[in-house]
Every structure is written in structure tokens, then in C-alpha cells.
């Protein structure tokens, strides 16, 4: 029974081995010439002004999390649409419940003002 998983194990070993090999090879072969210009923090080619560790507004993170939630919604809808005919009414009701839950969350976020960009 375990022999059935041998190809997966071999693939995993090859993938990890390749990743480790490329990291080690780049460390050994790559050039490492440290210059003051390379040690500057990157800011679109301009000279840095002030601290590099300025705090970001929480709204950036909230918008990013909301984007991920609604992006995952689209990922769940695609496979449902592919097998929609096989699911019949049950699949339609289940997806309607899923969309309704997300819609309630979206309306809540909208009313709280999380989508306002000021």
C-alpha cells in the first residue's frame, strides 16, 4: 500500500533537493561585492528620506484581507460552476447560502466603513 505513494515521495525529494541545490549554488557561485549603494534601502531609485520603519495604517491590512476573502470566494465558485449540472437544485441552494453569507459580511464591512479610503 505504501508503494503507491512512492512517486509522490520521489517528487517531493526531487523538488526539495532542487530548491536546496539552487540556494547553495547561488551562495557559492554568486558574486558578493558589498557597496554602499547596494546597502541603501530601495525606494524607487530615490535617496531614502527618514526612517524605513514608518508604521502603516491598519486600513492597508484590512483591505488586503478583504481582497483575499473575496478572491477565495471566486476560487470556490469556479469548481461549483463546472459541476453545476450534476449538483442540480442542491448545488444551487448551497451556493446561494455561501453567497448570502459573504454578502452579509460584505455589507457589514461596507457599513463599518472599512472600504472608505481617506
Protein backbone atom coordinates (compact mmCIF):
# COMPACT_ATOMS: atom_id res chain seq x y z
CA UNK A 1 0.00 0.00 0.00
CA UNK A 2 2.83 2.42 0.78
CA UNK A 3 4.41 1.66 -2.60
CA UNK A 4 1.55 3.64 -4.19
CA UNK A 5 2.92 6.81 -2.55
CA UNK A 6 6.47 6.25 -3.83
CA UNK A 7 6.10 8.59 -6.87
CA UNK A 8 4.80 11.38 -4.62
CA UNK A 9 7.71 10.87 -2.21
CA UNK A 10 10.22 10.87 -5.09
CA UNK A 11 8.68 14.07 -6.48
CA UNK A 12 8.87 15.70 -3.04
CA UNK A 13 12.53 14.69 -2.62
CA UNK A 14 13.42 15.99 -6.09
CA UNK A 15 11.61 19.30 -5.50
CA UNK A 16 13.25 19.90 -2.11
CA UNK A 17 16.62 18.79 -3.48
CA UNK A 18 16.35 21.18 -6.42
CA UNK A 19 15.40 24.07 -4.14
CA UNK A 20 18.30 23.38 -1.79
CA UNK A 21 20.71 22.92 -4.70
CA UNK A 22 19.79 26.27 -6.28
CA UNK A 23 20.11 28.10 -2.95
CA UNK A 24 23.52 26.57 -2.21
CA UNK A 25 24.72 27.05 -5.81
CA UNK A 26 23.78 30.73 -5.82
CA UNK A 27 25.55 31.24 -2.48
CA UNK A 28 28.71 29.54 -3.73
CA UNK A 29 28.83 30.82 -7.31
CA UNK A 30 27.19 34.25 -6.95
CA UNK A 31 29.13 37.50 -6.62
CA UNK A 32 29.11 39.15 -3.22
CA UNK A 33 30.55 42.60 -3.61
CA UNK A 34 29.08 44.85 -0.94
CA UNK A 35 28.96 48.52 -1.89
CA UNK A 36 27.39 51.44 -0.02
CA UNK A 37 24.95 51.87 -2.90
CA UNK A 38 23.73 48.29 -2.54
CA UNK A 39 23.24 48.66 1.18
CA UNK A 40 20.76 51.56 0.83
CA UNK A 41 17.09 50.68 1.26
CA UNK A 42 15.28 50.62 -2.07
CA UNK A 43 12.80 53.46 -2.55
CA UNK A 44 12.09 53.70 -6.28
CA UNK A 45 15.58 54.89 -7.13
CA UNK A 46 15.33 57.96 -4.91
CA UNK A 47 17.52 58.71 -1.92
CA UNK A 48 15.84 57.49 1.26
CA UNK A 49 14.19 60.14 3.42
CA UNK A 50 13.55 59.47 7.09
CA UNK A 51 13.13 56.10 8.78
CA UNK A 52 12.49 52.96 6.78
CA UNK A 53 10.26 51.61 9.54
CA UNK A 54 7.33 54.01 9.36
CA UNK A 55 4.10 52.42 10.58
CA UNK A 56 1.38 51.70 8.02
CA UNK A 57 -2.27 52.39 8.60
CA UNK A 58 -4.31 49.35 9.57
CA UNK A 59 -6.59 50.07 6.61
CA UNK A 60 -3.94 48.70 4.24
CA UNK A 61 -4.07 45.35 6.01
CA UNK A 62 -7.86 45.32 6.26
CA UNK A 63 -8.22 45.96 2.53
CA UNK A 64 -5.67 43.23 1.80
CA UNK A 65 -7.52 40.70 3.98
CA UNK A 66 -10.86 41.61 2.38
CA UNK A 67 -9.34 41.17 -1.05
CA UNK A 68 -8.12 37.71 -0.08
CA UNK A 69 -11.53 36.72 1.32
CA UNK A 70 -13.40 37.76 -1.81
CA UNK A 71 -10.71 36.31 -4.06
CA UNK A 72 -11.13 32.95 -2.34
CA UNK A 73 -14.86 33.28 -2.94
CA UNK A 74 -14.18 33.37 -6.67
CA UNK A 75 -11.93 30.32 -6.34
CA UNK A 76 -14.80 28.38 -4.71
CA UNK A 77 -17.34 29.48 -7.30
CA UNK A 78 -15.37 28.22 -10.30
CA UNK A 79 -15.40 24.48 -9.45
CA UNK A 80 -19.06 24.79 -8.46
CA UNK A 81 -19.85 26.26 -11.88
CA UNK A 82 -18.02 23.40 -13.61
CA UNK A 83 -20.19 20.72 -11.96
CA UNK A 84 -23.36 22.79 -11.61
CA UNK A 85 -25.47 20.46 -13.77
CA UNK A 86 -24.57 17.44 -11.65
CA UNK A 87 -25.48 19.18 -8.39
CA UNK A 88 -28.92 20.26 -9.54
CA UNK A 89 -31.07 22.19 -7.02
CA UNK A 90 -28.99 21.14 -4.01
CA UNK A 91 -25.88 22.78 -5.51
CA UNK A 92 -27.82 25.92 -6.32
CA UNK A 93 -29.15 26.22 -2.77
CA UNK A 94 -25.72 25.57 -1.24
CA UNK A 95 -24.10 28.23 -3.41
CA UNK A 96 -26.91 30.66 -2.61
CA UNK A 97 -26.24 30.14 1.11
CA UNK A 98 -22.49 30.63 0.54
CA UNK A 99 -23.05 33.84 -1.44
CA UNK A 100 -25.56 35.09 1.14
CA UNK A 101 -23.06 34.63 3.97
CA UNK A 102 -20.41 36.50 2.02
CA UNK A 103 -22.90 39.20 1.09
CA UNK A 104 -23.79 39.72 4.75
CA UNK A 105 -20.08 40.04 5.54
CA UNK A 106 -19.59 42.46 2.66
CA UNK A 107 -22.49 44.64 3.78
CA UNK A 108 -21.15 44.63 7.35
CA UNK A 109 -17.70 45.71 6.16
CA UNK A 110 -19.23 48.36 3.95
CA UNK A 111 -21.38 49.79 6.78
CA UNK A 112 -18.38 49.83 9.15
CA UNK A 113 -16.52 51.99 6.60
CA UNK A 114 -13.64 49.58 6.05
CA UNK A 115 -13.76 50.24 2.31
CA UNK A 116 -13.52 54.02 2.67
CA UNK A 117 -10.15 55.26 1.51
CA UNK A 118 -9.35 58.54 3.22
